[in-house]
Amino acid sequence: MLALLDKLTGDDGEATLGRLMQQPECIDSLAAEIASGASIERIRKRALTLDTMISELVEADFAYVGLPKEARDCDFRTGFETYLRPVLGKRAQGFAAIFERLDRHTRPFIVETGSLRIPDNWEGDGQSTFQFDWYARTRHGSVFTIDINPASIDSARRACSGTTSTILNDSVAALHALGSVAGRPAALIYLDSFDLDLENPVPSAVHHAMEVMAARRLIGEGTIICVDDFDVPPLGQGGKGLIVDQFMSSIGAEVVYSGYQKVWQLSG
């Protein structure tokens, strides 16, 4: 028993056992202290990384996002109309407009901020990461999704195939870095990283404007830009895209769709 406690506490087993004997009512707080310690973290990481020499194709997990096994055998267009559009609610038309414009791109390069966070939450979040992964996989494209929350990155990684690469970082910093190395403009930049506060939408609007600036090297002729949560009751139009909308209007970007999402496309 003492050897096990030493392993879990970094050779502090005897002192830990003494504390438990003196204060048995504190077992929960002591367990929480041990669980958050460096020794447990090392043990957990070692157990989770034992398969680093394994290399295999990463496939999308349709069941994880609540889709039936039949969906796996569909091409994206059939799958979208049959399984996705009916559950997308207020985002259904916006995504349909995005994919129609993406069809004009060869091997689409898709960049997203704000990754899939809650699996099977189609109407609530839109599951955009999974949609982009499915679409890009059928078009021989690629997806990069960026999120600062490790839990969201974990969800996206579990849901998506190897077509999608996940980046755990602040979206502004990551977009700037990605633009420096990508070598070509994105077909789509989908911005949905900073939650909208209906009482104070400005911080979210400012953040998404900063993302557009950070993504400047990823924007070129034909690039589609979408901001989620644009026309949100009772706030009305603006939302996350309040500042981006004014900028896009000032440069004459084409409005592809305006609703719960707002979608623009850049001309030459």
C-alpha atoms as a PDB file:
ATOM      1  CA  MET A   1       0.000   0.000   0.000  1.00  0.00           C
ATOM      2  CA  LEU A   2       2.797   2.386   0.925  1.00  0.00           C
ATOM      3  CA  ALA A   3       4.619   1.646  -2.330  1.00  0.00           C
ATOM      4  CA  LEU A   4       1.453   2.485  -4.287  1.00  0.00           C
ATOM      5  CA  LEU A   5       1.026   5.754  -2.412  1.00  0.00           C
ATOM      6  CA  ASP A   6       4.673   6.602  -3.106  1.00  0.00           C
ATOM      7  CA  LYS A   7       4.019   6.020  -6.800  1.00  0.00           C
ATOM      8  CA  LEU A   8       0.935   8.255  -6.768  1.00  0.00           C
ATOM      9  CA  THR A   9       2.417  11.060  -4.674  1.00  0.00           C
ATOM     10  CA  GLY A  10       6.055  11.240  -5.776  1.00  0.00           C
ATOM     11  CA  ASP A  11       7.576   9.290  -2.857  1.00  0.00           C
ATOM     12  CA  ASP A  12       5.412  11.129  -0.318  1.00  0.00           C
ATOM     13  CA  GLY A  13       3.345   8.059   0.553  1.00  0.00           C
ATOM     14  CA  GLU A  14       4.207   7.852   4.246  1.00  0.00           C
ATOM     15  CA  ALA A  15       3.241  11.481   4.914  1.00  0.00           C
ATOM     16  CA  THR A  16       0.062  11.101   2.873  1.00  0.00           C
ATOM     17  CA  LEU A  17      -0.936   7.981   4.807  1.00  0.00           C
ATOM     18  CA  GLY A  18      -0.271   9.828   8.064  1.00  0.00           C
ATOM     19  CA  ARG A  19      -2.550  12.702   7.041  1.00  0.00           C
ATOM     20  CA  LEU A  20      -5.273  10.224   6.125  1.00  0.00           C
ATOM     21  CA  MET A  21      -5.005   8.428   9.467  1.00  0.00           C
ATOM     22  CA  GLN A  22      -5.193  11.710  11.390  1.00  0.00           C
ATOM     23  CA  GLN A  23      -8.002  13.238   9.316  1.00  0.00           C
ATOM     24  CA  PRO A  24     -10.055  10.479   7.674  1.00  0.00           C
ATOM     25  CA  GLU A  25     -12.866  12.964   6.986  1.00  0.00           C
ATOM     26  CA  CYS A  26     -10.554  14.763   4.530  1.00  0.00           C
ATOM     27  CA  ILE A  27     -10.281  11.800   2.158  1.00  0.00           C
ATOM     28  CA  ASP A  28     -12.029  13.609  -0.729  1.00  0.00           C
ATOM     29  CA  SER A  29      -9.792  16.677  -0.603  1.00  0.00           C
ATOM     30  CA  LEU A  30      -6.710  14.475  -0.248  1.00  0.00           C
ATOM     31  CA  ALA A  31      -7.798  12.403  -3.255  1.00  0.00           C
ATOM     32  CA  ALA A  32      -8.298  15.589  -5.280  1.00  0.00           C
ATOM     33  CA  GLU A  33      -4.834  16.789  -4.263  1.00  0.00           C
ATOM     34  CA  ILE A  34      -3.247  13.526  -5.368  1.00  0.00           C
ATOM     35  CA  ALA A  35      -5.244  13.498  -8.629  1.00  0.00           C
ATOM     36  CA  SER A  36      -3.987  16.961  -9.565  1.00  0.00           C
ATOM     37  CA  GLY A  37      -0.367  16.242  -8.689  1.00  0.00           C
ATOM     38  CA  ALA A  38       2.567  15.943 -11.065  1.00  0.00           C
ATOM     39  CA  SER A  39       3.024  12.218 -10.395  1.00  0.00           C
ATOM     40  CA  ILE A  40      -0.491  11.346 -11.546  1.00  0.00           C
ATOM     41  CA  GLU A  41      -0.027  13.531 -14.619  1.00  0.00           C
ATOM     42  CA  ARG A  42       3.147  11.629 -15.569  1.00  0.00           C
ATOM     43  CA  ILE A  43       1.460   8.248 -15.038  1.00  0.00           C
ATOM     44  CA  ARG A  44      -1.555   9.302 -17.095  1.00  0.00           C
ATOM     45  CA  LYS A  45       0.553  10.657 -19.948  1.00  0.00           C
ATOM     46  CA  ARG A  46       2.685   7.528 -20.024  1.00  0.00           C
ATOM     47  CA  ALA A  47      -0.423   5.341 -20.272  1.00  0.00           C
ATOM     48  CA  LEU A  48      -1.976   7.474 -23.005  1.00  0.00           C
ATOM     49  CA  THR A  49       1.122   7.701 -25.187  1.00  0.00           C
ATOM     50  CA  LEU A  50       2.249   4.076 -25.291  1.00  0.00           C
ATOM     51  CA  ASP A  51       0.993   3.723 -28.890  1.00  0.00           C
ATOM     52  CA  THR A  52       3.106   6.485 -30.427  1.00  0.00           C
ATOM     53  CA  MET A  53       4.800   3.954 -32.725  1.00  0.00           C
ATOM     54  CA  ILE A  54       1.441   2.990 -34.269  1.00  0.00           C
ATOM     55  CA  SER A  55       0.645   4.571 -37.647  1.00  0.00           C
ATOM     56  CA  GLU A  56      -2.762   4.126 -39.217  1.00  0.00           C
ATOM     57  CA  LEU A  57      -5.405   5.913 -41.236  1.00  0.00           C
ATOM     58  CA  VAL A  58      -7.575   8.128 -39.046  1.00  0.00           C
ATOM     59  CA  GLU A  59     -11.215   7.737 -40.051  1.00  0.00           C
ATOM     60  CA  ALA A  60     -14.203   9.923 -39.239  1.00  0.00           C
ATOM     61  CA  ASP A  61     -16.473   8.702 -36.455  1.00  0.00           C
ATOM     62  CA  PHE A  62     -20.043   9.149 -37.717  1.00  0.00           C
ATOM     63  CA  ALA A  63     -21.574   7.537 -34.637  1.00  0.00           C
ATOM     64  CA  TYR A  64     -19.744   9.963 -32.335  1.00  0.00           C
ATOM     65  CA  VAL A  65     -21.638  12.888 -33.880  1.00  0.00           C
ATOM     66  CA  GLY A  66     -24.950  11.039 -33.874  1.00  0.00           C
ATOM     67  CA  LEU A  67     -25.157   9.992 -37.521  1.00  0.00           C
ATOM     68  CA  PRO A  68     -26.378   6.526 -38.579  1.00  0.00           C
ATOM     69  CA  LYS A  69     -23.977   4.023 -40.072  1.00  0.00           C
ATOM     70  CA  GLU A  70     -25.699   4.438 -43.458  1.00  0.00           C
ATOM     71  CA  ALA A  71     -24.342   7.987 -43.676  1.00  0.00           C
ATOM     72  CA  ARG A  72     -20.786   6.673 -43.935  1.00  0.00           C
ATOM     73  CA  ASP A  73     -21.526   5.192 -47.363  1.00  0.00           C
ATOM     74  CA  CYS A  74     -22.958   8.433 -48.795  1.00  0.00           C
ATOM     75  CA  ASP A  75     -21.182  11.024 -50.871  1.00  0.00           C
ATOM     76  CA  PHE A  76     -21.183  14.391 -49.126  1.00  0.00           C
ATOM     77  CA  ARG A  77     -23.977  15.963 -51.180  1.00  0.00           C
ATOM     78  CA  THR A  78     -26.346  13.072 -50.562  1.00  0.00           C
ATOM     79  CA  GLY A  79     -25.346  12.982 -46.921  1.00  0.00           C
ATOM     80  CA  PHE A  80     -25.879  16.715 -46.500  1.00  0.00           C
ATOM     81  CA  GLU A  81     -29.380  16.673 -47.965  1.00  0.00           C
ATOM     82  CA  THR A  82     -30.398  13.423 -46.248  1.00  0.00           C
ATOM     83  CA  TYR A  83     -28.826  13.657 -42.812  1.00  0.00           C
ATOM     84  CA  LEU A  84     -27.362  17.110 -42.169  1.00  0.00           C
ATOM     85  CA  ARG A  85     -29.719  19.737 -43.548  1.00  0.00           C
ATOM     86  CA  PRO A  86     -32.709  18.399 -41.540  1.00  0.00           C
ATOM     87  CA  VAL A  87     -30.848  18.792 -38.215  1.00  0.00           C
ATOM     88  CA  LEU A  88     -28.967  22.053 -38.843  1.00  0.00           C
ATOM     89  CA  GLY A  89     -31.910  24.317 -38.067  1.00  0.00           C
ATOM     90  CA  LYS A  90     -31.056  28.008 -38.401  1.00  0.00           C
ATOM     91  CA  ARG A  91     -27.700  27.234 -40.040  1.00  0.00           C
ATOM     92  CA  ALA A  92     -29.008  24.947 -42.802  1.00  0.00           C
ATOM     93  CA  GLN A  93     -29.242  27.613 -45.514  1.00  0.00           C
ATOM     94  CA  GLY A  94     -25.928  29.187 -44.600  1.00  0.00           C
ATOM     95  CA  PHE A  95     -24.023  25.916 -44.872  1.00  0.00           C
ATOM     96  CA  ALA A  96     -25.793  25.068 -48.129  1.00  0.00           C
ATOM     97  CA  ALA A  97     -24.601  28.405 -49.555  1.00  0.00           C
ATOM     98  CA  ILE A  98     -21.051  27.784 -48.335  1.00  0.00           C
ATOM     99  CA  PHE A  99     -20.797  24.341 -49.935  1.00  0.00           C
ATOM    100  CA  GLU A 100     -22.271  25.589 -53.203  1.00  0.00           C
ATOM    101  CA  ARG A 101     -19.488  28.175 -53.441  1.00  0.00           C
ATOM    102  CA  LEU A 102     -16.830  25.713 -52.273  1.00  0.00           C
ATOM    103  CA  ASP A 103     -17.696  23.499 -55.254  1.00  0.00           C
ATOM    104  CA  ARG A 104     -15.966  26.098 -57.418  1.00  0.00           C
ATOM    105  CA  HIS A 105     -12.624  25.437 -55.690  1.00  0.00           C
ATOM    106  CA  THR A 106     -10.231  22.613 -56.524  1.00  0.00           C
ATOM    107  CA  ARG A 107      -8.836  20.667 -53.551  1.00  0.00           C
ATOM    108  CA  PRO A 108     -10.385  23.133 -51.077  1.00  0.00           C
ATOM    109  CA  PHE A 109      -8.207  24.377 -48.232  1.00  0.00           C
ATOM    110  CA  ILE A 110     -10.531  25.145 -45.302  1.00  0.00           C
ATOM    111  CA  VAL A 111      -9.558  27.019 -42.131  1.00  0.00           C
ATOM    112  CA  GLU A 112     -11.868  27.143 -39.118  1.00  0.00           C
ATOM    113  CA  THR A 113     -11.657  28.883 -35.748  1.00  0.00           C
ATOM    114  CA  GLY A 114     -13.766  27.359 -33.010  1.00  0.00           C
ATOM    115  CA  SER A 115     -13.771  23.567 -33.239  1.00  0.00           C
ATOM    116  CA  LEU A 116     -16.530  21.023 -32.735  1.00  0.00           C
ATOM    117  CA  ARG A 117     -17.057  20.984 -28.997  1.00  0.00           C
ATOM    118  CA  ILE A 118     -20.181  18.933 -28.173  1.00  0.00           C
ATOM    119  CA  PRO A 119     -20.782  15.870 -30.382  1.00  0.00           C
ATOM    120  CA  ASP A 120     -24.273  15.456 -31.856  1.00  0.00           C
ATOM    121  CA  ASN A 121     -25.183  19.082 -31.053  1.00  0.00           C
ATOM    122  CA  TRP A 122     -26.190  19.809 -34.648  1.00  0.00           C
ATOM    123  CA  GLU A 123     -28.758  22.540 -34.145  1.00  0.00           C
ATOM    124  CA  GLY A 124     -26.916  24.128 -31.235  1.00  0.00           C
ATOM    125  CA  ASP A 125     -23.384  24.326 -32.697  1.00  0.00           C
ATOM    126  CA  GLY A 126     -23.641  23.147 -36.308  1.00  0.00           C
ATOM    127  CA  GLN A 127     -20.845  20.540 -36.017  1.00  0.00           C
ATOM    128  CA  SER A 128     -19.007  22.549 -38.678  1.00  0.00           C
ATOM    129  CA  THR A 129     -15.685  20.756 -38.187  1.00  0.00           C
ATOM    130  CA  PHE A 130     -17.241  17.400 -39.038  1.00  0.00           C
ATOM    131  CA  GLN A 131     -19.057  18.872 -42.039  1.00  0.00           C
ATOM    132  CA  PHE A 132     -15.880  20.427 -43.416  1.00  0.00           C
ATOM    133  CA  ASP A 133     -13.946  17.211 -42.826  1.00  0.00           C
ATOM    134  CA  TRP A 134     -16.536  15.155 -44.725  1.00  0.00           C
ATOM    135  CA  TYR A 135     -16.703  17.662 -47.572  1.00  0.00           C
ATOM    136  CA  ALA A 136     -12.924  18.115 -47.925  1.00  0.00           C
ATOM    137  CA  ARG A 137     -12.352  14.362 -47.798  1.00  0.00           C
ATOM    138  CA  THR A 138     -14.585  13.855 -50.835  1.00  0.00           C
ATOM    139  CA  ARG A 139     -12.919  16.760 -52.695  1.00  0.00           C
ATOM    140  CA  HIS A 140      -9.308  15.830 -51.855  1.00  0.00           C
ATOM    141  CA  GLY A 141      -8.962  18.967 -49.763  1.00  0.00           C
ATOM    142  CA  SER A 142      -7.721  19.720 -46.271  1.00  0.00           C
ATOM    143  CA  VAL A 143      -9.075  21.277 -43.076  1.00  0.00           C
ATOM    144  CA  PHE A 144      -7.306  23.104 -40.267  1.00  0.00           C
ATOM    145  CA  THR A 145      -9.400  23.764 -37.173  1.00  0.00           C
ATOM    146  CA  ILE A 146      -8.171  25.997 -34.352  1.00  0.00           C
ATOM    147  CA  ASP A 147      -9.379  26.153 -30.754  1.00  0.00           C
ATOM    148  CA  ILE A 148      -7.893  27.315 -27.459  1.00  0.00           C
ATOM    149  CA  ASN A 149      -9.900  24.751 -25.471  1.00  0.00           C
ATOM    150  CA  PRO A 150      -8.309  21.278 -25.234  1.00  0.00           C
ATOM    151  CA  ALA A 151     -11.727  19.663 -24.732  1.00  0.00           C
ATOM    152  CA  SER A 152     -12.976  21.037 -28.061  1.00  0.00           C
ATOM    153  CA  ILE A 153      -9.812  19.899 -29.810  1.00  0.00           C
ATOM    154  CA  ASP A 154     -10.339  16.429 -28.340  1.00  0.00           C
ATOM    155  CA  SER A 155     -13.924  16.329 -29.659  1.00  0.00           C
ATOM    156  CA  ALA A 156     -12.841  17.459 -33.130  1.00  0.00           C
ATOM    157  CA  ARG A 157     -10.019  14.929 -33.239  1.00  0.00           C
ATOM    158  CA  ARG A 158     -12.330  12.088 -32.216  1.00  0.00           C
ATOM    159  CA  ALA A 159     -14.982  13.076 -34.771  1.00  0.00           C
ATOM    160  CA  CYS A 160     -12.868  13.792 -37.826  1.00  0.00           C
ATOM    161  CA  SER A 161     -10.653  11.908 -40.235  1.00  0.00           C
ATOM    162  CA  GLY A 162      -7.017  12.517 -41.049  1.00  0.00           C
ATOM    163  CA  THR A 163      -8.158  15.134 -43.571  1.00  0.00           C
ATOM    164  CA  THR A 164      -8.492  17.498 -40.607  1.00  0.00           C
ATOM    165  CA  SER A 165      -5.558  18.848 -38.605  1.00  0.00           C
ATOM    166  CA  THR A 166      -6.271  20.331 -35.172  1.00  0.00           C
ATOM    167  CA  ILE A 167      -4.388  23.284 -33.689  1.00  0.00           C
ATOM    168  CA  LEU A 168      -4.572  23.999 -29.955  1.00  0.00           C
ATOM    169  CA  ASN A 169      -3.803  27.704 -29.734  1.00  0.00           C
ATOM    170  CA  ASP A 170      -5.246  31.190 -29.642  1.00  0.00           C
ATOM    171  CA  SER A 171      -6.937  31.679 -32.998  1.00  0.00           C
ATOM    172  CA  VAL A 172      -5.330  35.033 -33.805  1.00  0.00           C
ATOM    173  CA  ALA A 173      -1.803  33.737 -33.226  1.00  0.00           C
ATOM    174  CA  ALA A 174      -2.528  30.496 -35.087  1.00  0.00           C
ATOM    175  CA  LEU A 175      -4.052  32.237 -38.124  1.00  0.00           C
ATOM    176  CA  HIS A 176      -1.021  34.514 -38.377  1.00  0.00           C
ATOM    177  CA  ALA A 177       1.361  31.535 -38.217  1.00  0.00           C
ATOM    178  CA  LEU A 178      -0.693  29.436 -40.645  1.00  0.00           C
ATOM    179  CA  GLY A 179      -0.757  32.292 -43.128  1.00  0.00           C
ATOM    180  CA  SER A 180       3.025  32.481 -42.991  1.00  0.00           C
ATOM    181  CA  VAL A 181       3.510  28.842 -43.988  1.00  0.00           C
ATOM    182  CA  ALA A 182       0.421  27.853 -45.997  1.00  0.00           C
ATOM    183  CA  GLY A 183       1.714  29.083 -49.337  1.00  0.00           C
ATOM    184  CA  ARG A 184      -1.750  29.610 -50.821  1.00  0.00           C
ATOM    185  CA  PRO A 185      -5.033  31.297 -49.913  1.00  0.00           C
ATOM    186  CA  ALA A 186      -7.811  29.392 -48.216  1.00  0.00           C
ATOM    187  CA  ALA A 187     -10.969  28.451 -50.061  1.00  0.00           C
ATOM    188  CA  LEU A 188     -12.950  29.059 -46.863  1.00  0.00           C
ATOM    189  CA  ILE A 189     -12.245  30.808 -43.576  1.00  0.00           C
ATOM    190  CA  TYR A 190     -14.995  30.010 -41.068  1.00  0.00           C
ATOM    191  CA  LEU A 191     -14.903  32.161 -37.918  1.00  0.00           C
ATOM    192  CA  ASP A 192     -16.687  30.986 -34.776  1.00  0.00           C
ATOM    193  CA  SER A 193     -14.186  31.065 -31.940  1.00  0.00           C
ATOM    194  CA  PHE A 194     -15.308  33.637 -29.358  1.00  0.00           C
ATOM    195  CA  ASP A 195     -18.708  33.130 -27.738  1.00  0.00           C
ATOM    196  CA  LEU A 196     -21.223  35.923 -28.238  1.00  0.00           C
ATOM    197  CA  ASP A 197     -22.529  37.767 -25.169  1.00  0.00           C
ATOM    198  CA  LEU A 198     -25.916  39.210 -26.134  1.00  0.00           C
ATOM    199  CA  GLU A 199     -25.537  41.870 -23.426  1.00  0.00           C
ATOM    200  CA  ASN A 200     -22.085  42.909 -24.665  1.00  0.00           C
ATOM    201  CA  PRO A 201     -21.324  41.713 -28.229  1.00  0.00           C
ATOM    202  CA  VAL A 202     -18.327  44.015 -28.749  1.00  0.00           C
ATOM    203  CA  PRO A 203     -15.549  41.753 -27.340  1.00  0.00           C
ATOM    204  CA  SER A 204     -16.603  38.913 -29.651  1.00  0.00           C
ATOM    205  CA  ALA A 205     -16.940  41.264 -32.635  1.00  0.00           C
ATOM    206  CA  VAL A 206     -13.482  42.726 -31.990  1.00  0.00           C
ATOM    207  CA  HIS A 207     -11.935  39.257 -31.701  1.00  0.00           C
ATOM    208  CA  HIS A 208     -13.379  38.114 -35.016  1.00  0.00           C
ATOM    209  CA  ALA A 209     -12.168  41.306 -36.691  1.00  0.00           C
ATOM    210  CA  MET A 210      -8.705  40.538 -35.316  1.00  0.00           C
ATOM    211  CA  GLU A 211      -8.964  37.051 -36.822  1.00  0.00           C
ATOM    212  CA  VAL A 212      -9.610  38.524 -40.267  1.00  0.00           C
ATOM    213  CA  MET A 213      -6.525  40.720 -39.889  1.00  0.00           C
ATOM    214  CA  ALA A 214      -4.437  37.785 -38.685  1.00  0.00           C
ATOM    215  CA  ALA A 215      -5.650  35.692 -41.654  1.00  0.00           C
ATOM    216  CA  ARG A 216      -4.679  38.322 -44.259  1.00  0.00           C
ATOM    217  CA  ARG A 217      -2.156  35.976 -45.955  1.00  0.00           C
ATOM    218  CA  LEU A 218      -4.853  33.296 -46.204  1.00  0.00           C
ATOM    219  CA  ILE A 219      -7.258  35.577 -48.054  1.00  0.00           C
ATOM    220  CA  GLY A 220      -7.117  35.806 -51.842  1.00  0.00           C
ATOM    221  CA  GLU A 221      -9.294  35.888 -54.915  1.00  0.00           C
ATOM    222  CA  GLY A 222     -12.291  33.634 -54.394  1.00  0.00           C
ATOM    223  CA  THR A 223     -11.805  33.141 -50.644  1.00  0.00           C
ATOM    224  CA  ILE A 224     -15.094  32.612 -48.822  1.00  0.00           C
ATOM    225  CA  ILE A 225     -15.351  34.122 -45.338  1.00  0.00           C
ATOM    226  CA  CYS A 226     -18.129  33.221 -42.915  1.00  0.00           C
ATOM    227  CA  VAL A 227     -18.891  34.514 -39.429  1.00  0.00           C
ATOM    228  CA  ASP A 228     -21.306  32.461 -37.331  1.00  0.00           C
ATOM    229  CA  ASP A 229     -23.871  33.993 -34.945  1.00  0.00           C
ATOM    230  CA  PHE A 230     -24.425  37.076 -37.100  1.00  0.00           C
ATOM    231  CA  ASP A 231     -28.184  37.669 -36.936  1.00  0.00           C
ATOM    232  CA  VAL A 232     -29.089  36.487 -33.453  1.00  0.00           C
ATOM    233  CA  PRO A 233     -32.418  37.327 -31.780  1.00  0.00           C
ATOM    234  CA  PRO A 234     -33.088  39.547 -29.943  1.00  0.00           C
ATOM    235  CA  LEU A 235     -29.814  41.308 -30.760  1.00  0.00           C
ATOM    236  CA  GLY A 236     -30.433  41.480 -34.502  1.00  0.00           C
ATOM    237  CA  GLN A 237     -27.815  41.778 -37.221  1.00  0.00           C
ATOM    238  CA  GLY A 238     -24.169  42.202 -36.296  1.00  0.00           C
ATOM    239  CA  GLY A 239     -23.334  39.753 -33.525  1.00  0.00           C
ATOM    240  CA  LYS A 240     -19.892  38.227 -33.907  1.00  0.00           C
ATOM    241  CA  GLY A 241     -19.584  39.811 -37.346  1.00  0.00           C
ATOM    242  CA  LEU A 242     -20.458  43.406 -36.428  1.00  0.00           C
ATOM    243  CA  ILE A 243     -17.052  44.821 -37.373  1.00  0.00           C
ATOM    244  CA  VAL A 244     -16.188  42.268 -40.068  1.00  0.00           C
ATOM    245  CA  ASP A 245     -19.447  43.140 -41.838  1.00  0.00           C
ATOM    246  CA  GLN A 246     -18.520  46.830 -42.026  1.00  0.00           C
ATOM    247  CA  PHE A 247     -15.066  45.956 -43.353  1.00  0.00           C
ATOM    248  CA  MET A 248     -16.421  43.591 -46.000  1.00  0.00           C
ATOM    249  CA  SER A 249     -18.900  46.226 -47.129  1.00  0.00           C
ATOM    250  CA  SER A 250     -16.143  48.827 -47.412  1.00  0.00           C
ATOM    251  CA  ILE A 251     -14.058  46.627 -49.756  1.00  0.00           C
ATOM    252  CA  GLY A 252     -17.014  45.549 -51.883  1.00  0.00           C
ATOM    253  CA  ALA A 253     -16.995  41.871 -50.948  1.00  0.00           C
ATOM    254  CA  GLU A 254     -19.903  39.917 -52.402  1.00  0.00           C
ATOM    255  CA  VAL A 255     -22.547  38.913 -49.868  1.00  0.00           C
ATOM    256  CA  VAL A 256     -23.273  35.244 -50.551  1.00  0.00           C
ATOM    257  CA  TYR A 257     -25.708  34.729 -47.683  1.00  0.00           C
ATOM    258  CA  SER A 258     -26.992  36.728 -44.717  1.00  0.00           C
ATOM    259  CA  GLY A 259     -28.925  35.118 -41.904  1.00  0.00           C
ATOM    260  CA  TYR A 260     -27.839  33.428 -38.690  1.00  0.00           C
ATOM    261  CA  GLN A 261     -24.465  33.203 -40.450  1.00  0.00           C
ATOM    262  CA  LYS A 262     -23.095  35.800 -42.831  1.00  0.00           C
ATOM    263  CA  VAL A 263     -21.030  34.671 -45.807  1.00  0.00           C
ATOM    264  CA  TRP A 264     -18.922  36.784 -48.159  1.00  0.00           C
ATOM    265  CA  GLN A 265     -16.697  35.956 -51.114  1.00  0.00           C
ATOM    266  CA  LEU A 266     -13.713  38.028 -52.195  1.00  0.00           C
ATOM    267  CA  SER A 267     -13.331  38.976 -55.833  1.00  0.00           C
ATOM    268  CA  GLY A 268     -10.061  39.685 -57.609  1.00  0.00           C
END
